[in-house]
C-alpha atoms as a PDB file:
ATOM      1  CA  UNK A   1     -11.630 -95.669 -45.390  1.00  0.00           C
ATOM      2  CA  UNK A   2      -9.208 -95.895 -42.486  1.00  0.00           C
ATOM      3  CA  UNK A   3      -5.998 -97.851 -43.136  1.00  0.00           C
ATOM      4  CA  UNK A   4      -7.118-101.153 -44.703  1.00  0.00           C
ATOM      5  CA  UNK A   5     -10.525 -99.484 -45.033  1.00  0.00           C
ATOM      6  CA  UNK A   6      -8.896 -97.350 -47.712  1.00  0.00           C
ATOM      7  CA  UNK A   7      -9.380-100.304 -50.080  1.00  0.00           C
ATOM      8  CA  UNK A   8     -13.050-100.678 -49.141  1.00  0.00           C
ATOM      9  CA  UNK A   9     -13.436 -96.968 -49.786  1.00  0.00           C
ATOM     10  CA  UNK A  10     -11.771 -97.355 -53.204  1.00  0.00           C
ATOM     11  CA  UNK A  11     -14.226-100.140 -54.044  1.00  0.00           C
ATOM     12  CA  UNK A  12     -17.263 -98.202 -52.758  1.00  0.00           C
ATOM     13  CA  UNK A  13     -16.085 -95.129 -54.675  1.00  0.00           C
ATOM     14  CA  UNK A  14     -15.817 -97.055 -57.946  1.00  0.00           C
ATOM     15  CA  UNK A  15     -12.030 -96.714 -58.128  1.00  0.00           C
ATOM     16  CA  UNK A  16     -11.479-100.484 -57.947  1.00  0.00           C
ATOM     17  CA  UNK A  17     -13.772-103.312 -58.984  1.00  0.00           C
ATOM     18  CA  UNK A  18     -14.406-106.138 -56.514  1.00  0.00           C
ATOM     19  CA  UNK A  19     -11.719-108.431 -57.954  1.00  0.00           C
ATOM     20  CA  UNK A  20      -9.091-105.687 -57.734  1.00  0.00           C
ATOM     21  CA  UNK A  21     -10.101-104.741 -54.189  1.00  0.00           C
ATOM     22  CA  UNK A  22      -9.782-108.387 -53.112  1.00  0.00           C
ATOM     23  CA  UNK A  23      -6.359-108.574 -54.764  1.00  0.00           C
ATOM     24  CA  UNK A  24      -5.182-105.471 -52.891  1.00  0.00           C
ATOM     25  CA  UNK A  25      -6.442-106.774 -49.529  1.00  0.00           C
ATOM     26  CA  UNK A  26      -4.970-110.228 -50.108  1.00  0.00           C
ATOM     27  CA  UNK A  27      -1.530-109.026 -51.252  1.00  0.00           C
ATOM     28  CA  UNK A  28      -1.320-106.245 -48.700  1.00  0.00           C
ATOM     29  CA  UNK A  29      -2.226-108.627 -45.868  1.00  0.00           C
ATOM     30  CA  UNK A  30       0.097-111.384 -47.111  1.00  0.00           C
ATOM     31  CA  UNK A  31       3.044-109.018 -47.482  1.00  0.00           C
ATOM     32  CA  UNK A  32       2.443-107.069 -44.264  1.00  0.00           C
ATOM     33  CA  UNK A  33       2.352-110.372 -42.346  1.00  0.00           C
ATOM     34  CA  UNK A  34       6.086-110.572 -43.045  1.00  0.00           C
ATOM     35  CA  UNK A  35       6.493-107.739 -40.520  1.00  0.00           C
ATOM     36  CA  UNK A  36       4.773-109.707 -37.727  1.00  0.00           C
ATOM     37  CA  UNK A  37       6.754-109.428 -34.527  1.00  0.00           C
ATOM     38  CA  UNK A  38       8.798-106.445 -35.732  1.00  0.00           C
ATOM     39  CA  UNK A  39       7.109-103.961 -33.422  1.00  0.00           C
ATOM     40  CA  UNK A  40       4.015-102.727 -31.632  1.00  0.00           C
ATOM     41  CA  UNK A  41       1.359-100.056 -31.847  1.00  0.00           C
ATOM     42  CA  UNK A  42       0.282 -97.696 -29.063  1.00  0.00           C
ATOM     43  CA  UNK A  43      -2.895 -95.613 -28.829  1.00  0.00           C
ATOM     44  CA  UNK A  44      -2.222 -92.386 -26.926  1.00  0.00           C
ATOM     45  CA  UNK A  45      -4.323 -89.524 -25.615  1.00  0.00           C
ATOM     46  CA  UNK A  46      -2.112 -86.842 -27.131  1.00  0.00           C
ATOM     47  CA  UNK A  47      -2.388 -84.250 -29.859  1.00  0.00           C
ATOM     48  CA  UNK A  48      -0.258 -84.669 -32.954  1.00  0.00           C
ATOM     49  CA  UNK A  49       2.128 -82.035 -31.587  1.00  0.00           C
ATOM     50  CA  UNK A  50       2.289 -83.836 -28.230  1.00  0.00           C
ATOM     51  CA  UNK A  51       3.016 -87.122 -29.971  1.00  0.00           C
ATOM     52  CA  UNK A  52       5.831 -85.507 -31.969  1.00  0.00           C
ATOM     53  CA  UNK A  53       7.334 -84.281 -28.710  1.00  0.00           C
ATOM     54  CA  UNK A  54       7.232 -87.805 -27.234  1.00  0.00           C
ATOM     55  CA  UNK A  55       8.863 -89.186 -30.397  1.00  0.00           C
ATOM     56  CA  UNK A  56      11.759 -86.729 -30.371  1.00  0.00           C
ATOM     57  CA  UNK A  57      14.952 -88.750 -30.755  1.00  0.00           C
ATOM     58  CA  UNK A  58      13.053 -91.928 -31.639  1.00  0.00           C
ATOM     59  CA  UNK A  59      11.848 -90.981 -35.138  1.00  0.00           C
ATOM     60  CA  UNK A  60      14.003 -93.630 -36.858  1.00  0.00           C
ATOM     61  CA  UNK A  61      12.194 -96.471 -35.096  1.00  0.00           C
ATOM     62  CA  UNK A  62       8.787 -95.134 -33.991  1.00  0.00           C
ATOM     63  CA  UNK A  63       6.367 -92.985 -35.970  1.00  0.00           C
ATOM     64  CA  UNK A  64       2.930 -91.457 -35.791  1.00  0.00           C
ATOM     65  CA  UNK A  65       0.762 -94.118 -37.399  1.00  0.00           C
ATOM     66  CA  UNK A  66      -2.579 -92.328 -37.272  1.00  0.00           C
ATOM     67  CA  UNK A  67      -4.032 -88.966 -36.333  1.00  0.00           C
ATOM     68  CA  UNK A  68      -7.591 -89.963 -35.505  1.00  0.00           C
ATOM     69  CA  UNK A  69      -8.580 -86.767 -33.743  1.00  0.00           C
ATOM     70  CA  UNK A  70      -7.283 -83.768 -31.797  1.00  0.00           C
ATOM     71  CA  UNK A  71      -6.309 -85.955 -28.834  1.00  0.00           C
ATOM     72  CA  UNK A  72      -6.322 -89.418 -30.381  1.00  0.00           C
ATOM     73  CA  UNK A  73      -3.052 -90.503 -31.975  1.00  0.00           C
ATOM     74  CA  UNK A  74      -1.629 -93.959 -32.647  1.00  0.00           C
ATOM     75  CA  UNK A  75       2.120 -94.610 -32.584  1.00  0.00           C
ATOM     76  CA  UNK A  76       3.822 -97.555 -34.279  1.00  0.00           C
ATOM     77  CA  UNK A  77       7.308 -98.959 -34.395  1.00  0.00           C
ATOM     78  CA  UNK A  78       9.996-100.914 -32.615  1.00  0.00           C
ATOM     79  CA  UNK A  79       8.753-102.760 -29.520  1.00  0.00           C
ATOM     80  CA  UNK A  80      11.422-101.257 -27.234  1.00  0.00           C
ATOM     81  CA  UNK A  81      10.500 -97.713 -28.230  1.00  0.00           C
ATOM     82  CA  UNK A  82       6.763 -98.294 -27.901  1.00  0.00           C
ATOM     83  CA  UNK A  83       7.186 -99.938 -24.497  1.00  0.00           C
ATOM     84  CA  UNK A  84       9.382 -97.077 -23.247  1.00  0.00           C
ATOM     85  CA  UNK A  85       6.913 -94.448 -24.473  1.00  0.00           C
ATOM     86  CA  UNK A  86       4.026 -96.303 -22.792  1.00  0.00           C
ATOM     87  CA  UNK A  87       5.923 -96.337 -19.483  1.00  0.00           C
ATOM     88  CA  UNK A  88       6.747 -92.613 -19.757  1.00  0.00           C
ATOM     89  CA  UNK A  89       3.144 -91.697 -20.527  1.00  0.00           C
ATOM     90  CA  UNK A  90       1.870 -93.915 -17.710  1.00  0.00           C
ATOM     91  CA  UNK A  91       4.124 -92.028 -15.259  1.00  0.00           C
ATOM     92  CA  UNK A  92       2.670 -88.733 -16.512  1.00  0.00           C
ATOM     93  CA  UNK A  93      -0.921 -89.990 -16.254  1.00  0.00           C
ATOM     94  CA  UNK A  94      -1.479 -89.774 -20.012  1.00  0.00           C
ATOM     95  CA  UNK A  95      -3.857 -92.300 -21.562  1.00  0.00           C
ATOM     96  CA  UNK A  96      -2.063 -95.015 -23.509  1.00  0.00           C
ATOM     97  CA  UNK A  97      -2.853 -98.554 -24.553  1.00  0.00           C
ATOM     98  CA  UNK A  98      -0.700-101.032 -26.424  1.00  0.00           C
ATOM     99  CA  UNK A  99      -2.844-102.391 -29.238  1.00  0.00           C
ATOM    100  CA  UNK A 100      -3.232-106.125 -29.707  1.00  0.00           C
ATOM    101  CA  UNK A 101      -1.693-106.388 -33.170  1.00  0.00           C
ATOM    102  CA  UNK A 102       1.244-108.417 -34.456  1.00  0.00           C
ATOM    103  CA  UNK A 103       2.325-105.972 -37.161  1.00  0.00           C
ATOM    104  CA  UNK A 104       3.534-102.388 -36.580  1.00  0.00           C
ATOM    105  CA  UNK A 105       1.347-100.936 -39.351  1.00  0.00           C
ATOM    106  CA  UNK A 106       2.152 -97.442 -40.669  1.00  0.00           C
ATOM    107  CA  UNK A 107       5.682 -97.574 -39.264  1.00  0.00           C
ATOM    108  CA  UNK A 108       9.196 -97.566 -40.714  1.00  0.00           C
ATOM    109  CA  UNK A 109       8.992-101.398 -40.742  1.00  0.00           C
ATOM    110  CA  UNK A 110       6.619-101.123 -43.726  1.00  0.00           C
ATOM    111  CA  UNK A 111       9.174 -99.438 -45.989  1.00  0.00           C
ATOM    112  CA  UNK A 112      11.002-102.662 -46.851  1.00  0.00           C
ATOM    113  CA  UNK A 113       7.703-104.213 -47.984  1.00  0.00           C
ATOM    114  CA  UNK A 114       6.715-101.524 -50.513  1.00  0.00           C
ATOM    115  CA  UNK A 115       8.673-102.862 -53.524  1.00  0.00           C
ATOM    116  CA  UNK A 116       7.014-106.287 -53.324  1.00  0.00           C
ATOM    117  CA  UNK A 117       3.579-104.762 -52.763  1.00  0.00           C
ATOM    118  CA  UNK A 118       3.996-102.409 -55.707  1.00  0.00           C
ATOM    119  CA  UNK A 119       5.121-105.298 -57.929  1.00  0.00           C
ATOM    120  CA  UNK A 120       2.188-107.520 -56.874  1.00  0.00           C
ATOM    121  CA  UNK A 121      -0.335-104.760 -57.569  1.00  0.00           C
ATOM    122  CA  UNK A 122       1.091-103.658 -60.922  1.00  0.00           C
ATOM    123  CA  UNK A 123      -1.921-105.131 -62.739  1.00  0.00           C
ATOM    124  CA  UNK A 124      -4.414-102.766 -61.074  1.00  0.00           C
ATOM    125  CA  UNK A 125      -6.430-100.536 -63.364  1.00  0.00           C
ATOM    126  CA  UNK A 126      -8.072 -98.000 -61.043  1.00  0.00           C
ATOM    127  CA  UNK A 127     -10.741 -95.662 -62.395  1.00  0.00           C
ATOM    128  CA  UNK A 128     -11.659 -92.110 -61.460  1.00  0.00           C
ATOM    129  CA  UNK A 129     -13.893 -92.031 -58.369  1.00  0.00           C
ATOM    130  CA  UNK A 130     -17.623 -92.261 -59.100  1.00  0.00           C
ATOM    131  CA  UNK A 131     -18.443 -90.537 -55.797  1.00  0.00           C
ATOM    132  CA  UNK A 132     -16.513 -88.256 -53.450  1.00  0.00           C
ATOM    133  CA  UNK A 133     -13.786 -90.412 -51.949  1.00  0.00           C
ATOM    134  CA  UNK A 134     -11.152 -89.456 -49.389  1.00  0.00           C
ATOM    135  CA  UNK A 135      -7.697 -90.822 -48.739  1.00  0.00           C
ATOM    136  CA  UNK A 136      -6.707 -91.139 -45.118  1.00  0.00           C
ATOM    137  CA  UNK A 137      -3.105 -91.263 -46.333  1.00  0.00           C
ATOM    138  CA  UNK A 138      -3.184 -87.741 -47.761  1.00  0.00           C
ATOM    139  CA  UNK A 139      -6.158 -86.425 -45.778  1.00  0.00           C
ATOM    140  CA  UNK A 140      -7.643 -85.118 -49.022  1.00  0.00           C
ATOM    141  CA  UNK A 141     -10.162 -86.057 -51.683  1.00  0.00           C
ATOM    142  CA  UNK A 142      -9.057 -88.611 -54.243  1.00  0.00           C
ATOM    143  CA  UNK A 143      -9.052 -86.444 -57.361  1.00  0.00           C
ATOM    144  CA  UNK A 144      -7.504 -88.890 -59.791  1.00  0.00           C
ATOM    145  CA  UNK A 145      -5.943 -92.270 -60.262  1.00  0.00           C
ATOM    146  CA  UNK A 146      -2.508 -91.056 -59.128  1.00  0.00           C
ATOM    147  CA  UNK A 147      -3.819 -89.989 -55.719  1.00  0.00           C
ATOM    148  CA  UNK A 148      -5.372 -93.441 -55.226  1.00  0.00           C
ATOM    149  CA  UNK A 149      -1.889 -94.960 -55.294  1.00  0.00           C
ATOM    150  CA  UNK A 150      -0.858 -92.804 -52.332  1.00  0.00           C
ATOM    151  CA  UNK A 151      -1.923 -95.553 -49.951  1.00  0.00           C
ATOM    152  CA  UNK A 152       0.845 -97.774 -51.329  1.00  0.00           C
ATOM    153  CA  UNK A 153       3.593 -95.456 -50.201  1.00  0.00           C
ATOM    154  CA  UNK A 154       4.484 -92.716 -47.778  1.00  0.00           C
ATOM    155  CA  UNK A 155       4.522 -89.023 -48.425  1.00  0.00           C
ATOM    156  CA  UNK A 156       7.799 -87.467 -49.625  1.00  0.00           C
ATOM    157  CA  UNK A 157       8.768 -86.622 -46.033  1.00  0.00           C
ATOM    158  CA  UNK A 158       8.539 -90.279 -44.987  1.00  0.00           C
ATOM    159  CA  UNK A 159       5.304 -89.565 -43.143  1.00  0.00           C
ATOM    160  CA  UNK A 160       3.391 -92.766 -42.309  1.00  0.00           C
ATOM    161  CA  UNK A 161       0.325 -91.171 -40.708  1.00  0.00           C
ATOM    162  CA  UNK A 162      -3.299 -91.987 -41.402  1.00  0.00           C
ATOM    163  CA  UNK A 163      -5.048 -88.610 -41.494  1.00  0.00           C
ATOM    164  CA  UNK A 164      -8.550 -89.654 -40.531  1.00  0.00           C
ATOM    165  CA  UNK A 165      -9.397 -86.396 -38.768  1.00  0.00           C
ATOM    166  CA  UNK A 166      -8.443 -84.350 -41.857  1.00  0.00           C
ATOM    167  CA  UNK A 167     -10.923 -86.322 -43.951  1.00  0.00           C
ATOM    168  CA  UNK A 168     -13.702 -85.733 -41.430  1.00  0.00           C
ATOM    169  CA  UNK A 169     -12.789 -82.045 -41.190  1.00  0.00           C
ATOM    170  CA  UNK A 170     -13.191 -81.595 -44.939  1.00  0.00           C
ATOM    171  CA  UNK A 171     -16.750 -82.917 -44.671  1.00  0.00           C
ATOM    172  CA  UNK A 172     -17.531 -80.068 -42.272  1.00  0.00           C
ATOM    173  CA  UNK A 173     -16.034 -77.232 -44.341  1.00  0.00           C
ATOM    174  CA  UNK A 174     -16.275 -74.147 -42.144  1.00  0.00           C
ATOM    175  CA  UNK A 175     -16.828 -75.980 -38.868  1.00  0.00           C
ATOM    176  CA  UNK A 176     -13.375 -77.186 -37.893  1.00  0.00           C
ATOM    177  CA  UNK A 177     -14.302 -77.380 -34.202  1.00  0.00           C
ATOM    178  CA  UNK A 178     -17.289 -79.662 -34.905  1.00  0.00           C
ATOM    179  CA  UNK A 179     -15.175 -81.826 -37.219  1.00  0.00           C
ATOM    180  CA  UNK A 180     -12.448 -82.186 -34.589  1.00  0.00           C
ATOM    181  CA  UNK A 181     -14.965 -83.199 -31.931  1.00  0.00           C
ATOM    182  CA  UNK A 182     -16.518 -85.772 -34.276  1.00  0.00           C
ATOM    183  CA  UNK A 183     -13.115 -87.100 -35.360  1.00  0.00           C
ATOM    184  CA  UNK A 184     -12.047 -87.326 -31.701  1.00  0.00           C
ATOM    185  CA  UNK A 185     -15.212 -89.254 -30.817  1.00  0.00           C
ATOM    186  CA  UNK A 186     -14.781 -91.587 -33.792  1.00  0.00           C
ATOM    187  CA  UNK A 187     -11.128 -92.117 -32.903  1.00  0.00           C
ATOM    188  CA  UNK A 188     -12.156 -93.128 -29.410  1.00  0.00           C
ATOM    189  CA  UNK A 189     -14.680 -95.622 -30.779  1.00  0.00           C
ATOM    190  CA  UNK A 190     -12.039 -97.031 -33.119  1.00  0.00           C
ATOM    191  CA  UNK A 191      -9.904 -97.755 -30.061  1.00  0.00           C
ATOM    192  CA  UNK A 192      -7.229 -95.262 -30.992  1.00  0.00           C
END
């Protein structure tokens, strides 16, 4: 799953039953709506390293939201920062597109919402995956119930990224180049 698709993946993988998956989607959507208008998201034709360079000095308000492929990254954060980055990239001839969303998903704006989300989902009783399931939050296989909960929070470094390309790469063990090309193509189709 990718972002909210993480919940669909948890359901398909047998981690959550249908009622629990619906609860997660409902509460996550309801709570994230509180961040409407707090920022924007920007799809850019940059590598992760290139995106980090563009973010230098803006990390407190804008973050890498998703690494969809080798040259498909989504940024998220404060509207002023996103707008400035878009203008800079436009001047350099680098692909960029402000996404039509109201919420700056996977950005620092989400941090304040985590306590309420965690409280509302305290009744979940996830199971071990019945099939191979990946987390786009960690970029790795979901090996146990604890790793399922990773989508509720950020990594210890405050990293908000969705690691879609890492999940695809693991499927192609030994063919990193093929995985990167596929992840890049999928990222393009996803509009990132």
